[in-house]
Amino acid sequence: MSSRAISAGVVHTVPVDLRRVLIANPKVLAAWEDLTPLARNEWICWVLLPKKAETRSQHIQRVQIRAVGGEAEAVLLAWLHPPQGQGTEPFGPLGADHPQQSVEMSDASASQQIDDIVRRTAGWRGERLSQLRALIRGADPGVIEEVKWKKPSRPEGVPVWSHDGIVCIGEALKNAVRLTFPKGAQLRDPKGLFNTRLDSKTVRAIDFHEGDAINASKLKALILEGARLNRS
């Protein structure tokens, strides 16, 4: 077995059988490495899900190379698409559009960069992202703002709020603003705030659409529980 390092997910390491496939297919491996840790974790969970060896092998084979437009590109089939069809990078499928070079980080602080992301997000989505940001910061004064997953297709990156690990990730989609909790499946949600990614083994998310009310007290409690989970 090769000792080559393969990037893992936020929680899980790469299982041996999936590792073999990645090492044997350089283009698939390149696409795998371009995924965010959260997206890699989703795929690892999906590979580990089946109890039967045959089904597990079929899941692994879904990571494959196929010819598109005369060029070989890594294609991860449809399972990773959220059912609403609104998912965008970094939570979308493996694709051919991975960066050919690293993206330089801005000299501006993460908070300044998020200020800019909010300003550039037009209309109600920008207003909602700003509201959620203020709520998150108010809920946990110890939260740290970060900007992650910069790439040519999204040079501004993605706002992240962390406290001893990622608590949640903010993202403006086409018709919603989404807060994604990488460890959301472990959080108590008695008020049913989570309304998407409900089939994930690890992740939960909340989509806020135009006109939706924010249950501020319950969302603050969820933020605090996420931070406590990171410290446990």
Protein backbone atom coordinates (compact mmCIF):
# COMPACT_ATOMS: atom_id res chain seq x y z
CA MET A 1 0.00 0.00 0.00
CA SER A 2 1.38 3.40 -0.97
CA SER A 3 2.27 5.74 1.89
CA ARG A 4 1.10 8.75 -0.12
CA ALA A 5 -0.90 11.20 1.96
CA ILE A 6 -4.58 11.47 0.99
CA SER A 7 -6.61 14.34 2.41
CA ALA A 8 -9.33 13.21 4.80
CA GLY A 9 -12.67 14.69 5.85
CA VAL A 10 -13.43 16.91 8.81
CA VAL A 11 -14.16 13.82 10.93
CA HIS A 12 -13.32 10.63 9.03
CA THR A 13 -10.13 9.33 7.44
CA VAL A 14 -10.12 7.76 3.98
CA PRO A 15 -10.92 4.01 4.14
CA VAL A 16 -8.43 1.61 2.61
CA ASP A 17 -10.59 0.55 -0.36
CA LEU A 18 -11.43 4.13 -1.37
CA ARG A 19 -7.79 5.07 -0.93
CA ARG A 20 -6.76 2.38 -3.44
CA VAL A 21 -9.15 3.83 -6.05
CA LEU A 22 -7.89 7.37 -5.51
CA ILE A 23 -4.22 6.41 -5.75
CA ALA A 24 -4.87 4.37 -8.90
CA ASN A 25 -6.65 7.26 -10.68
CA PRO A 26 -4.61 10.50 -10.64
CA LYS A 27 -7.38 12.64 -12.14
CA VAL A 28 -9.91 11.41 -9.61
CA LEU A 29 -7.35 12.02 -6.86
CA ALA A 30 -6.77 15.58 -8.09
CA ALA A 31 -10.51 16.25 -7.99
CA TRP A 32 -10.74 14.65 -4.52
CA GLU A 33 -8.00 16.92 -3.20
CA ASP A 34 -9.86 19.94 -4.57
CA LEU A 35 -12.94 19.12 -2.49
CA THR A 36 -13.43 20.83 0.84
CA PRO A 37 -12.85 18.70 3.98
CA LEU A 38 -16.60 18.80 4.57
CA ALA A 39 -17.42 17.47 1.10
CA ARG A 40 -14.77 14.75 1.42
CA ASN A 41 -16.29 13.73 4.73
CA GLU A 42 -19.71 13.37 3.07
CA TRP A 43 -18.25 11.02 0.47
CA ILE A 44 -16.40 8.96 3.05
CA CYS A 45 -19.64 8.58 5.02
CA TRP A 46 -21.42 7.48 1.86
CA VAL A 47 -18.76 4.84 1.13
CA LEU A 48 -18.96 3.55 4.71
CA LEU A 49 -22.78 3.42 4.74
CA PRO A 50 -23.48 0.05 3.01
CA LYS A 51 -23.27 -3.14 5.04
CA LYS A 52 -22.78 -5.38 1.98
CA ALA A 53 -19.34 -5.47 0.35
CA GLU A 54 -20.90 -5.47 -3.13
CA THR A 55 -22.88 -2.30 -2.46
CA ARG A 56 -19.87 -0.62 -0.91
CA SER A 57 -17.84 -1.48 -3.99
CA GLN A 58 -20.54 0.08 -6.17
CA HIS A 59 -20.38 3.25 -4.10
CA ILE A 60 -16.63 3.45 -4.53
CA GLN A 61 -16.99 2.92 -8.27
CA ARG A 62 -19.16 6.02 -8.45
CA VAL A 63 -15.90 7.95 -8.13
CA GLN A 64 -14.67 7.46 -11.66
CA ILE A 65 -13.09 8.96 -14.74
CA ARG A 66 -15.14 9.47 -17.86
CA ALA A 67 -14.49 11.28 -21.10
CA VAL A 68 -16.36 14.55 -21.49
CA GLY A 69 -15.84 16.80 -24.48
CA GLY A 70 -12.83 14.79 -25.54
CA GLU A 71 -10.98 15.38 -22.27
CA ALA A 72 -10.83 13.10 -19.26
CA GLU A 73 -12.32 14.72 -16.19
CA ALA A 74 -13.15 13.48 -12.74
CA VAL A 75 -16.88 13.11 -12.25
CA LEU A 76 -18.63 12.39 -9.00
CA LEU A 77 -22.17 11.26 -9.79
CA ALA A 78 -25.35 12.75 -8.50
CA TRP A 79 -25.50 11.59 -4.89
CA LEU A 80 -23.69 14.61 -3.51
CA HIS A 81 -26.15 17.07 -5.07
CA PRO A 82 -28.51 18.34 -2.36
CA PRO A 83 -32.09 17.31 -3.17
CA GLN A 84 -33.17 20.94 -3.59
CA GLY A 85 -30.68 21.35 -6.42
CA GLN A 86 -29.42 24.57 -4.86
CA GLY A 87 -26.03 23.35 -3.69
CA THR A 88 -22.96 25.18 -4.92
CA GLU A 89 -19.28 24.80 -4.25
CA PRO A 90 -17.76 23.89 -1.86
CA PHE A 91 -20.54 21.34 -1.26
CA GLY A 92 -21.16 20.39 -4.88
CA PRO A 93 -19.84 17.38 -6.79
CA LEU A 94 -16.34 16.71 -7.96
CA GLY A 95 -15.93 18.44 -11.28
CA ALA A 96 -13.44 19.48 -13.91
CA ASP A 97 -13.22 23.07 -12.68
CA HIS A 98 -10.52 22.67 -10.08
CA PRO A 99 -7.83 25.32 -9.66
CA GLN A 100 -4.62 25.00 -11.61
CA GLN A 101 -2.82 27.23 -9.13
CA SER A 102 -3.32 28.34 -5.57
CA VAL A 103 -5.32 31.45 -4.85
CA GLU A 104 -3.44 34.04 -2.84
CA MET A 105 -5.06 35.08 0.43
CA SER A 106 -5.98 38.74 0.74
CA ASP A 107 -4.09 40.90 3.22
CA ALA A 108 -7.42 42.00 4.65
CA SER A 109 -8.59 40.36 7.85
CA ALA A 110 -11.19 37.61 7.64
CA SER A 111 -13.82 39.95 9.08
CA GLN A 112 -13.03 42.57 6.45
CA GLN A 113 -13.27 39.93 3.75
CA ILE A 114 -16.68 38.83 5.06
CA ASP A 115 -17.74 42.50 5.09
CA ASP A 116 -16.90 42.55 1.38
CA ILE A 117 -18.73 39.27 0.69
CA VAL A 118 -21.85 40.65 2.38
CA ARG A 119 -21.64 43.92 0.39
CA ARG A 120 -21.26 42.02 -2.88
CA THR A 121 -24.24 39.75 -2.17
CA ALA A 122 -27.12 41.60 -3.76
CA GLY A 123 -30.60 42.24 -2.39
CA TRP A 124 -32.30 40.32 0.38
CA ARG A 125 -29.65 37.61 0.44
CA GLY A 126 -26.97 40.10 1.47
CA GLU A 127 -29.25 41.52 4.15
CA ARG A 128 -30.05 38.03 5.45
CA LEU A 129 -26.38 36.98 5.48
CA SER A 130 -25.59 40.14 7.46
CA GLN A 131 -28.40 39.39 9.94
CA LEU A 132 -27.21 35.82 10.46
CA ARG A 133 -23.63 36.96 10.90
CA ALA A 134 -24.65 39.43 13.61
CA LEU A 135 -26.72 36.76 15.33
CA ILE A 136 -23.84 34.25 15.32
CA ARG A 137 -21.40 36.78 16.72
CA GLY A 138 -23.89 37.87 19.35
CA ALA A 139 -24.63 34.30 20.39
CA ASP A 140 -20.99 33.38 21.04
CA PRO A 141 -18.51 36.21 21.73
CA GLY A 142 -15.70 33.65 21.42
CA VAL A 143 -16.50 32.81 17.81
CA ILE A 144 -13.77 33.45 15.25
CA GLU A 145 -14.52 34.58 11.70
CA GLU A 146 -12.62 32.87 8.90
CA VAL A 147 -12.75 32.76 5.11
CA LYS A 148 -12.06 29.35 3.58
CA TRP A 149 -12.05 27.50 0.26
CA LYS A 150 -10.90 30.24 -2.08
CA LYS A 151 -10.56 29.09 -5.66
CA PRO A 152 -10.71 30.68 -9.14
CA SER A 153 -14.43 29.93 -9.43
CA ARG A 154 -15.04 31.58 -6.04
CA PRO A 155 -12.09 33.91 -5.32
CA GLU A 156 -13.84 35.61 -2.40
CA GLY A 157 -14.11 32.34 -0.46
CA VAL A 158 -16.80 31.24 1.99
CA PRO A 159 -17.57 32.79 5.41
CA VAL A 160 -16.91 30.41 8.31
CA TRP A 161 -17.54 30.84 12.03
CA SER A 162 -15.38 28.73 14.33
CA HIS A 163 -14.90 28.09 18.03
CA ASP A 164 -12.43 25.26 18.68
CA GLY A 165 -13.42 23.99 15.23
CA ILE A 166 -16.00 24.97 12.64
CA VAL A 167 -19.42 25.76 14.08
CA CYS A 168 -21.18 26.83 10.88
CA ILE A 169 -20.61 28.01 7.33
CA GLY A 170 -22.56 30.76 5.56
CA GLU A 171 -23.39 30.62 1.89
CA ALA A 172 -25.60 32.67 -0.45
CA LEU A 173 -27.32 30.30 -2.88
CA LYS A 174 -29.48 31.26 -5.83
CA ASN A 175 -32.75 31.29 -3.89
CA ALA A 176 -31.66 30.96 -0.28
CA VAL A 177 -29.02 31.78 2.30
CA ARG A 178 -27.71 28.59 3.88
CA LEU A 179 -26.07 27.97 7.24
CA THR A 180 -24.33 24.60 7.23
CA PHE A 181 -23.31 22.85 10.45
CA PRO A 182 -20.60 20.21 9.75
CA LYS A 183 -21.49 18.33 12.95
CA GLY A 184 -25.19 19.15 12.81
CA ALA A 185 -26.33 15.54 13.03
CA GLN A 186 -24.97 15.48 16.59
CA LEU A 187 -26.84 18.62 17.67
CA ARG A 188 -30.23 18.62 19.35
CA ASP A 189 -32.79 20.45 17.24
CA PRO A 190 -36.14 20.16 19.06
CA LYS A 191 -37.62 23.12 17.18
CA GLY A 192 -36.76 21.64 13.80
CA LEU A 193 -34.60 24.51 12.53
CA PHE A 194 -32.67 22.21 10.22
CA ASN A 195 -34.53 21.90 6.93
CA THR A 196 -31.95 20.56 4.48
CA ARG A 197 -29.11 18.02 4.33
CA LEU A 198 -31.32 15.87 6.54
CA ASP A 199 -30.15 12.66 4.85
CA SER A 200 -26.50 13.29 5.72
CA LYS A 201 -24.79 11.17 8.35
CA THR A 202 -22.92 14.20 9.75
CA VAL A 203 -24.09 17.50 8.28
CA ARG A 204 -27.25 19.53 8.80
CA ALA A 205 -28.17 22.89 7.31
CA ILE A 206 -30.79 25.62 7.41
CA ASP A 207 -31.99 27.33 4.23
CA PHE A 208 -33.45 30.79 4.74
CA HIS A 209 -35.63 31.94 1.85
CA GLU A 210 -36.85 35.45 1.16
CA GLY A 211 -39.45 36.44 3.75
CA ASP A 212 -38.59 33.62 6.17
CA ALA A 213 -38.51 34.62 9.82
CA ILE A 214 -35.40 33.91 11.90
CA ASN A 215 -36.01 32.21 15.24
CA ALA A 216 -33.17 34.14 16.87
CA SER A 217 -33.27 32.56 20.32
CA LYS A 218 -33.35 28.98 19.00
CA LEU A 219 -30.65 29.66 16.42
CA LYS A 220 -28.42 31.22 19.09
CA ALA A 221 -28.90 28.11 21.23
CA LEU A 222 -27.89 25.95 18.25
CA ILE A 223 -24.74 28.04 17.73
CA LEU A 224 -23.76 27.68 21.38
CA GLU A 225 -24.38 23.94 21.33
CA GLY A 226 -22.21 23.64 18.22
CA ALA A 227 -19.36 25.43 20.00
CA ARG A 228 -19.78 23.21 23.07
CA LEU A 229 -19.69 20.11 20.90
CA ASN A 230 -16.35 21.21 19.46
CA ARG A 231 -14.92 21.47 22.96
CA SER A 232 -16.26 18.11 24.14
